[in-house]
Amino acid sequence: MRVGIPQPLVGYTRADEVEAQGRTIDELLHDLDRQFPGIRFRMVDEQDRLRRHVRIFVNRERARGLAFPLGDSDEVQILQALSGG
């Protein structure tokens, strides 16, 4: 499926859109991490939850949590607010 990558993470993927697979958001993020090592940690914290500044949308619907189901033809958009000071 197509996955839109936010600008702060393009350094990992070298593209603002990539292909990845998974039946859930969690599986999708693991596949992204397999392809682009280190990217998952930028979106998921040590308690295995999406970081506060990350939002994931599936077909324009906000995915609430890593267990959110995915289909092969879904379009996923990852949004990441800049944080820090």
PDB file of N, CA and C in Angstrom:
ATOM      1  N   MET A   1       0.829  -1.175   0.000  1.00  0.00           N
ATOM      2  CA  MET A   1       0.000   0.000   0.000  1.00  0.00           C
ATOM      3  C   MET A   1       0.878   1.244   0.000  1.00  0.00           C
ATOM      4  N   ARG A   2       0.305   2.344  -0.421  1.00  0.00           N
ATOM      5  CA  ARG A   2       1.041   3.608  -0.446  1.00  0.00           C
ATOM      6  C   ARG A   2       1.027   4.242   0.935  1.00  0.00           C
ATOM      7  N   VAL A   3       2.194   4.742   1.328  1.00  0.00           N
ATOM      8  CA  VAL A   3       2.330   5.383   2.625  1.00  0.00           C
ATOM      9  C   VAL A   3       2.979   6.744   2.425  1.00  0.00           C
ATOM     10  N   GLY A   4       2.272   7.799   2.807  1.00  0.00           N
ATOM     11  CA  GLY A   4       2.829   9.145   2.749  1.00  0.00           C
ATOM     12  C   GLY A   4       3.713   9.386   3.960  1.00  0.00           C
ATOM     13  N   ILE A   5       4.908   9.879   3.716  1.00  0.00           N
ATOM     14  CA  ILE A   5       5.904  10.090   4.768  1.00  0.00           C
ATOM     15  C   ILE A   5       6.021  11.591   5.039  1.00  0.00           C
ATOM     16  N   PRO A   6       5.975  12.000   6.314  1.00  0.00           N
ATOM     17  CA  PRO A   6       6.102  13.427   6.621  1.00  0.00           C
ATOM     18  C   PRO A   6       7.532  13.912   6.403  1.00  0.00           C
ATOM     19  N   GLN A   7       7.665  15.180   6.116  1.00  0.00           N
ATOM     20  CA  GLN A   7       8.977  15.765   5.819  1.00  0.00           C
ATOM     21  C   GLN A   7      10.046  15.455   6.871  1.00  0.00           C
ATOM     22  N   PRO A   8       9.736  15.505   8.182  1.00  0.00           N
ATOM     23  CA  PRO A   8      10.790  15.217   9.162  1.00  0.00           C
ATOM     24  C   PRO A   8      11.362  13.799   9.074  1.00  0.00           C
ATOM     25  N   LEU A   9      10.647  12.873   8.404  1.00  0.00           N
ATOM     26  CA  LEU A   9      11.125  11.489   8.302  1.00  0.00           C
ATOM     27  C   LEU A   9      11.638  11.120   6.912  1.00  0.00           C
ATOM     28  N   VAL A  10      11.589  12.050   5.991  1.00  0.00           N
ATOM     29  CA  VAL A  10      12.066  11.773   4.627  1.00  0.00           C
ATOM     30  C   VAL A  10      13.556  11.431   4.616  1.00  0.00           C
ATOM     31  N   GLY A  11      14.291  11.874   5.612  1.00  0.00           N
ATOM     32  CA  GLY A  11      15.705  11.514   5.700  1.00  0.00           C
ATOM     33  C   GLY A  11      15.915  10.010   5.805  1.00  0.00           C
ATOM     34  N   TYR A  12      14.941   9.297   6.337  1.00  0.00           N
ATOM     35  CA  TYR A  12      15.031   7.837   6.412  1.00  0.00           C
ATOM     36  C   TYR A  12      14.692   7.188   5.078  1.00  0.00           C
ATOM     37  N   THR A  13      13.662   7.703   4.408  1.00  0.00           N
ATOM     38  CA  THR A  13      13.122   7.048   3.210  1.00  0.00           C
ATOM     39  C   THR A  13      13.636   7.621   1.894  1.00  0.00           C
ATOM     40  N   ARG A  14      14.122   8.856   1.926  1.00  0.00           N
ATOM     41  CA  ARG A  14      14.564   9.574   0.719  1.00  0.00           C
ATOM     42  C   ARG A  14      13.420   9.809  -0.275  1.00  0.00           C
ATOM     43  N   ALA A  15      12.171   9.676   0.232  1.00  0.00           N
ATOM     44  CA  ALA A  15      10.990   9.900  -0.609  1.00  0.00           C
ATOM     45  C   ALA A  15       9.828  10.275   0.301  1.00  0.00           C
ATOM     46  N   ASP A  16       8.885  11.041  -0.242  1.00  0.00           N
ATOM     47  CA  ASP A  16       7.739  11.416   0.578  1.00  0.00           C
ATOM     48  C   ASP A  16       6.574  10.440   0.439  1.00  0.00           C
ATOM     49  N   GLU A  17       6.782   9.388  -0.350  1.00  0.00           N
ATOM     50  CA  GLU A  17       5.806   8.318  -0.479  1.00  0.00           C
ATOM     51  C   GLU A  17       6.550   7.016  -0.734  1.00  0.00           C
ATOM     52  N   VAL A  18       6.164   5.966  -0.012  1.00  0.00           N
ATOM     53  CA  VAL A  18       6.809   4.660  -0.156  1.00  0.00           C
ATOM     54  C   VAL A  18       5.732   3.583  -0.178  1.00  0.00           C
ATOM     55  N   GLU A  19       6.140   2.371  -0.471  1.00  0.00           N
ATOM     56  CA  GLU A  19       5.259   1.209  -0.423  1.00  0.00           C
ATOM     57  C   GLU A  19       5.607   0.378   0.799  1.00  0.00           C
ATOM     58  N   ALA A  20       4.587  -0.110   1.489  1.00  0.00           N
ATOM     59  CA  ALA A  20       4.804  -0.981   2.647  1.00  0.00           C
ATOM     60  C   ALA A  20       3.593  -1.891   2.782  1.00  0.00           C
ATOM     61  N   GLN A  21       3.731  -2.909   3.648  1.00  0.00           N
ATOM     62  CA  GLN A  21       2.658  -3.893   3.825  1.00  0.00           C
ATOM     63  C   GLN A  21       2.370  -4.096   5.298  1.00  0.00           C
ATOM     64  N   GLY A  22       1.164  -4.542   5.573  1.00  0.00           N
ATOM     65  CA  GLY A  22       0.771  -4.893   6.929  1.00  0.00           C
ATOM     66  C   GLY A  22      -0.728  -4.987   7.028  1.00  0.00           C
ATOM     67  N   ARG A  23      -1.189  -5.812   7.959  1.00  0.00           N
ATOM     68  CA  ARG A  23      -2.628  -5.952   8.195  1.00  0.00           C
ATOM     69  C   ARG A  23      -3.118  -4.990   9.265  1.00  0.00           C
ATOM     70  N   THR A  24      -2.166  -4.387   9.994  1.00  0.00           N
ATOM     71  CA  THR A  24      -2.480  -3.389  11.013  1.00  0.00           C
ATOM     72  C   THR A  24      -1.442  -2.271  10.910  1.00  0.00           C
ATOM     73  N   ILE A  25      -1.699  -1.159  11.606  1.00  0.00           N
ATOM     74  CA  ILE A  25      -0.716  -0.071  11.646  1.00  0.00           C
ATOM     75  C   ILE A  25       0.597  -0.596  12.226  1.00  0.00           C
ATOM     76  N   ASP A  26       0.522  -1.415  13.262  1.00  0.00           N
ATOM     77  CA  ASP A  26       1.735  -1.956  13.875  1.00  0.00           C
ATOM     78  C   ASP A  26       2.565  -2.750  12.863  1.00  0.00           C
ATOM     79  N   GLU A  27       1.937  -3.640  12.119  1.00  0.00           N
ATOM     80  CA  GLU A  27       2.652  -4.419  11.104  1.00  0.00           C
ATOM     81  C   GLU A  27       3.227  -3.514  10.028  1.00  0.00           C
ATOM     82  N   LEU A  28       2.465  -2.510   9.635  1.00  0.00           N
ATOM     83  CA  LEU A  28       2.940  -1.552   8.628  1.00  0.00           C
ATOM     84  C   LEU A  28       4.199  -0.837   9.119  1.00  0.00           C
ATOM     85  N   LEU A  29       4.189  -0.376  10.371  1.00  0.00           N
ATOM     86  CA  LEU A  29       5.356   0.326  10.909  1.00  0.00           C
ATOM     87  C   LEU A  29       6.560  -0.600  11.046  1.00  0.00           C
ATOM     88  N   HIS A  30       6.319  -1.862  11.363  1.00  0.00           N
ATOM     89  CA  HIS A  30       7.426  -2.826  11.400  1.00  0.00           C
ATOM     90  C   HIS A  30       8.003  -3.038   9.999  1.00  0.00           C
ATOM     91  N   ASP A  31       7.134  -3.091   8.979  1.00  0.00           N
ATOM     92  CA  ASP A  31       7.621  -3.239   7.605  1.00  0.00           C
ATOM     93  C   ASP A  31       8.411  -1.995   7.187  1.00  0.00           C
ATOM     94  N   LEU A  32       7.926  -0.816   7.553  1.00  0.00           N
ATOM     95  CA  LEU A  32       8.684   0.399   7.254  1.00  0.00           C
ATOM     96  C   LEU A  32      10.052   0.359   7.929  1.00  0.00           C
ATOM     97  N   ASP A  33      10.096  -0.117   9.173  1.00  0.00           N
ATOM     98  CA  ASP A  33      11.362  -0.188   9.906  1.00  0.00           C
ATOM     99  C   ASP A  33      12.305  -1.216   9.291  1.00  0.00           C
ATOM    100  N   ARG A  34      11.744  -2.280   8.738  1.00  0.00           N
ATOM    101  CA  ARG A  34      12.579  -3.277   8.046  1.00  0.00           C
ATOM    102  C   ARG A  34      13.241  -2.643   6.818  1.00  0.00           C
ATOM    103  N   GLN A  35      12.462  -1.832   6.106  1.00  0.00           N
ATOM    104  CA  GLN A  35      12.979  -1.179   4.905  1.00  0.00           C
ATOM    105  C   GLN A  35      13.859   0.024   5.224  1.00  0.00           C
ATOM    106  N   PHE A  36      13.498   0.737   6.285  1.00  0.00           N
ATOM    107  CA  PHE A  36      14.169   1.991   6.644  1.00  0.00           C
ATOM    108  C   PHE A  36      14.493   1.962   8.143  1.00  0.00           C
ATOM    109  N   PRO A  37      15.562   1.270   8.515  1.00  0.00           N
ATOM    110  CA  PRO A  37      15.878   1.057   9.931  1.00  0.00           C
ATOM    111  C   PRO A  37      15.892   2.356  10.747  1.00  0.00           C
ATOM    112  N   GLY A  38      15.206   2.286  11.890  1.00  0.00           N
ATOM    113  CA  GLY A  38      15.158   3.411  12.802  1.00  0.00           C
ATOM    114  C   GLY A  38      13.915   4.269  12.691  1.00  0.00           C
ATOM    115  N   ILE A  39      13.160   4.134  11.621  1.00  0.00           N
ATOM    116  CA  ILE A  39      12.014   5.020  11.404  1.00  0.00           C
ATOM    117  C   ILE A  39      10.888   4.744  12.401  1.00  0.00           C
ATOM    118  N   ARG A  40      10.685   3.494  12.786  1.00  0.00           N
ATOM    119  CA  ARG A  40       9.582   3.162  13.705  1.00  0.00           C
ATOM    120  C   ARG A  40       9.760   3.867  15.050  1.00  0.00           C
ATOM    121  N   PHE A  41      10.975   3.908  15.559  1.00  0.00           N
ATOM    122  CA  PHE A  41      11.233   4.533  16.851  1.00  0.00           C
ATOM    123  C   PHE A  41      10.872   6.013  16.844  1.00  0.00           C
ATOM    124  N   ARG A  42      10.896   6.647  15.699  1.00  0.00           N
ATOM    125  CA  ARG A  42      10.521   8.061  15.602  1.00  0.00           C
ATOM    126  C   ARG A  42       9.007   8.247  15.717  1.00  0.00           C
ATOM    127  N   MET A  43       8.249   7.142  15.573  1.00  0.00           N
ATOM    128  CA  MET A  43       6.788   7.226  15.624  1.00  0.00           C
ATOM    129  C   MET A  43       6.176   6.499  16.818  1.00  0.00           C
ATOM    130  N   VAL A  44       6.891   5.511  17.361  1.00  0.00           N
ATOM    131  CA  VAL A  44       6.375   4.679  18.443  1.00  0.00           C
ATOM    132  C   VAL A  44       7.324   4.772  19.626  1.00  0.00           C
ATOM    133  N   ASP A  45       6.745   4.952  20.829  1.00  0.00           N
ATOM    134  CA  ASP A  45       7.593   5.112  22.016  1.00  0.00           C
ATOM    135  C   ASP A  45       7.954   3.765  22.653  1.00  0.00           C
ATOM    136  N   GLU A  46       8.646   3.823  23.797  1.00  0.00           N
ATOM    137  CA  GLU A  46       9.123   2.630  24.481  1.00  0.00           C
ATOM    138  C   GLU A  46       7.989   1.789  25.061  1.00  0.00           C
ATOM    139  N   GLN A  47       6.809   2.364  25.229  1.00  0.00           N
ATOM    140  CA  GLN A  47       5.641   1.632  25.712  1.00  0.00           C
ATOM    141  C   GLN A  47       4.795   1.085  24.560  1.00  0.00           C
ATOM    142  N   ASP A  48       5.338   1.125  23.364  1.00  0.00           N
ATOM    143  CA  ASP A  48       4.674   0.617  22.162  1.00  0.00           C
ATOM    144  C   ASP A  48       3.369   1.366  21.873  1.00  0.00           C
ATOM    145  N   ARG A  49       3.420   2.696  22.013  1.00  0.00           N
ATOM    146  CA  ARG A  49       2.291   3.564  21.684  1.00  0.00           C
ATOM    147  C   ARG A  49       2.770   4.617  20.691  1.00  0.00           C
ATOM    148  N   LEU A  50       1.838   5.076  19.864  1.00  0.00           N
ATOM    149  CA  LEU A  50       2.190   6.172  18.954  1.00  0.00           C
ATOM    150  C   LEU A  50       2.611   7.377  19.775  1.00  0.00           C
ATOM    151  N   ARG A  51       3.672   8.029  19.354  1.00  0.00           N
ATOM    152  CA  ARG A  51       4.128   9.231  20.052  1.00  0.00           C
ATOM    153  C   ARG A  51       3.058  10.323  19.950  1.00  0.00           C
ATOM    154  N   ARG A  52       3.052  11.244  20.931  1.00  0.00           N
ATOM    155  CA  ARG A  52       2.024  12.281  21.007  1.00  0.00           C
ATOM    156  C   ARG A  52       1.945  13.141  19.753  1.00  0.00           C
ATOM    157  N   HIS A  53       3.057  13.359  19.096  1.00  0.00           N
ATOM    158  CA  HIS A  53       3.083  14.271  17.952  1.00  0.00           C
ATOM    159  C   HIS A  53       2.883  13.570  16.606  1.00  0.00           C
ATOM    160  N   VAL A  54       2.521  12.282  16.634  1.00  0.00           N
ATOM    161  CA  VAL A  54       2.325  11.516  15.398  1.00  0.00           C
ATOM    162  C   VAL A  54       0.838  11.217  15.216  1.00  0.00           C
ATOM    163  N   ARG A  55       0.353  11.445  14.015  1.00  0.00           N
ATOM    164  CA  ARG A  55      -1.015  11.085  13.633  1.00  0.00           C
ATOM    165  C   ARG A  55      -0.921  10.258  12.360  1.00  0.00           C
ATOM    166  N   ILE A  56      -1.717   9.204  12.307  1.00  0.00           N
ATOM    167  CA  ILE A  56      -1.756   8.356  11.118  1.00  0.00           C
ATOM    168  C   ILE A  56      -3.195   8.311  10.627  1.00  0.00           C
ATOM    169  N   PHE A  57      -3.357   8.550   9.341  1.00  0.00           N
ATOM    170  CA  PHE A  57      -4.667   8.526   8.709  1.00  0.00           C
ATOM    171  C   PHE A  57      -4.703   7.422   7.667  1.00  0.00           C
ATOM    172  N   VAL A  58      -5.796   6.685   7.652  1.00  0.00           N
ATOM    173  CA  VAL A  58      -6.016   5.621   6.672  1.00  0.00           C
ATOM    174  C   VAL A  58      -7.248   6.011   5.873  1.00  0.00           C
ATOM    175  N   ASN A  59      -7.061   6.225   4.588  1.00  0.00           N
ATOM    176  CA  ASN A  59      -8.157   6.682   3.726  1.00  0.00           C
ATOM    177  C   ASN A  59      -8.862   7.892   4.349  1.00  0.00           C
ATOM    178  N   ARG A  60      -8.055   8.822   4.853  1.00  0.00           N
ATOM    179  CA  ARG A  60      -8.513  10.090   5.441  1.00  0.00           C
ATOM    180  C   ARG A  60      -9.218   9.939   6.791  1.00  0.00           C
ATOM    181  N   GLU A  61      -9.205   8.744   7.351  1.00  0.00           N
ATOM    182  CA  GLU A  61      -9.775   8.508   8.682  1.00  0.00           C
ATOM    183  C   GLU A  61      -8.625   8.331   9.669  1.00  0.00           C
ATOM    184  N   ARG A  62      -8.700   9.011  10.801  1.00  0.00           N
ATOM    185  CA  ARG A  62      -7.620   8.912  11.780  1.00  0.00           C
ATOM    186  C   ARG A  62      -7.575   7.514  12.386  1.00  0.00           C
ATOM    187  N   ALA A  63      -6.408   6.905  12.329  1.00  0.00           N
ATOM    188  CA  ALA A  63      -6.181   5.595  12.935  1.00  0.00           C
ATOM    189  C   ALA A  63      -5.869   5.811  14.409  1.00  0.00           C
ATOM    190  N   ARG A  64      -6.642   5.210  15.265  1.00  0.00           N
ATOM    191  CA  ARG A  64      -6.449   5.367  16.709  1.00  0.00           C
ATOM    192  C   ARG A  64      -5.805   4.112  17.258  1.00  0.00           C
ATOM    193  N   GLY A  65      -4.492   4.109  17.273  1.00  0.00           N
ATOM    194  CA  GLY A  65      -3.766   2.984  17.845  1.00  0.00           C
ATOM    195  C   GLY A  65      -3.127   2.081  16.821  1.00  0.00           C
ATOM    196  N   LEU A  66      -2.211   1.267  17.312  1.00  0.00           N
ATOM    197  CA  LEU A  66      -1.424   0.395  16.443  1.00  0.00           C
ATOM    198  C   LEU A  66      -2.212  -0.801  15.919  1.00  0.00           C
ATOM    199  N   ALA A  67      -3.327  -1.140  16.561  1.00  0.00           N
ATOM    200  CA  ALA A  67      -4.117  -2.297  16.135  1.00  0.00           C
ATOM    201  C   ALA A  67      -5.098  -1.953  15.013  1.00  0.00           C
ATOM    202  N   PHE A  68      -5.127  -0.709  14.570  1.00  0.00           N
ATOM    203  CA  PHE A  68      -6.054  -0.285  13.518  1.00  0.00           C
ATOM    204  C   PHE A  68      -5.846  -1.165  12.286  1.00  0.00           C
ATOM    205  N   PRO A  69      -6.923  -1.785  11.754  1.00  0.00           N
ATOM    206  CA  PRO A  69      -6.775  -2.705  10.614  1.00  0.00           C
ATOM    207  C   PRO A  69      -6.538  -1.984   9.288  1.00  0.00           C
ATOM    208  N   LEU A  70      -5.814  -2.660   8.418  1.00  0.00           N
ATOM    209  CA  LEU A  70      -5.495  -2.130   7.092  1.00  0.00           C
ATOM    210  C   LEU A  70      -5.879  -3.127   6.010  1.00  0.00           C
ATOM    211  N   GLY A  71      -6.213  -2.597   4.831  1.00  0.00           N
ATOM    212  CA  GLY A  71      -6.452  -3.416   3.653  1.00  0.00           C
ATOM    213  C   GLY A  71      -5.384  -3.136   2.613  1.00  0.00           C
ATOM    214  N   ASP A  72      -5.242  -4.036   1.653  1.00  0.00           N
ATOM    215  CA  ASP A  72      -4.183  -3.917   0.637  1.00  0.00           C
ATOM    216  C   ASP A  72      -4.256  -2.630  -0.173  1.00  0.00           C
ATOM    217  N   SER A  73      -5.452  -2.119  -0.396  1.00  0.00           N
ATOM    218  CA  SER A  73      -5.588  -0.931  -1.248  1.00  0.00           C
ATOM    219  C   SER A  73      -5.697   0.369  -0.448  1.00  0.00           C
ATOM    220  N   ASP A  74      -5.516   0.306   0.860  1.00  0.00           N
ATOM    221  CA  ASP A  74      -5.610   1.511   1.678  1.00  0.00           C
ATOM    222  C   ASP A  74      -4.479   2.486   1.372  1.00  0.00           C
ATOM    223  N   GLU A  75      -4.786   3.758   1.591  1.00  0.00           N
ATOM    224  CA  GLU A  75      -3.765   4.805   1.512  1.00  0.00           C
ATOM    225  C   GLU A  75      -3.522   5.311   2.921  1.00  0.00           C
ATOM    226  N   VAL A  76      -2.256   5.316   3.321  1.00  0.00           N
ATOM    227  CA  VAL A  76      -1.880   5.705   4.668  1.00  0.00           C
ATOM    228  C   VAL A  76      -1.069   6.994   4.589  1.00  0.00           C
ATOM    229  N   GLN A  77      -1.428   7.935   5.447  1.00  0.00           N
ATOM    230  CA  GLN A  77      -0.681   9.194   5.516  1.00  0.00           C
ATOM    231  C   GLN A  77      -0.218   9.367   6.951  1.00  0.00           C
ATOM    232  N   ILE A  78       1.084   9.519   7.123  1.00  0.00           N
ATOM    233  CA  ILE A  78       1.659   9.753   8.436  1.00  0.00           C
ATOM    234  C   ILE A  78       1.929  11.244   8.558  1.00  0.00           C
ATOM    235  N   LEU A  79       1.449  11.833   9.634  1.00  0.00           N
ATOM    236  CA  LEU A  79       1.687  13.240   9.897  1.00  0.00           C
ATOM    237  C   LEU A  79       2.471  13.342  11.188  1.00  0.00           C
ATOM    238  N   GLN A  80       3.406  14.261  11.230  1.00  0.00           N
ATOM    239  CA  GLN A  80       4.233  14.431  12.410  1.00  0.00           C
ATOM    240  C   GLN A  80       4.424  15.915  12.669  1.00  0.00           C
ATOM    241  N   ALA A  81       3.938  16.352  13.815  1.00  0.00           N
ATOM    242  CA  ALA A  81       4.154  17.734  14.217  1.00  0.00           C
ATOM    243  C   ALA A  81       5.590  17.888  14.681  1.00  0.00           C
ATOM    244  N   LEU A  82       6.149  19.040  14.458  1.00  0.00           N
ATOM    245  CA  LEU A  82       7.488  19.314  14.988  1.00  0.00           C
ATOM    246  C   LEU A  82       7.360  19.555  16.477  1.00  0.00           C
ATOM    247  N   SER A  83       8.282  18.998  17.237  1.00  0.00           N
ATOM    248  CA  SER A  83       8.251  19.186  18.678  1.00  0.00           C
ATOM    249  C   SER A  83       9.636  19.573  19.171  1.00  0.00           C
ATOM    250  N   GLY A  84       9.678  20.024  20.375  1.00  0.00           N
ATOM    251  CA  GLY A  84      10.944  20.455  20.932  1.00  0.00           C
ATOM    252  C   GLY A  84      10.926  21.961  21.124  1.00  0.00           C
ATOM    253  N   GLY A  85      12.043  22.486  21.528  1.00  0.00           N
ATOM    254  CA  GLY A  85      12.013  23.910  21.783  1.00  0.00           C
ATOM    255  C   GLY A  85      13.280  24.628  21.419  1.00  0.00           C
TER     256      GLY A  85
END
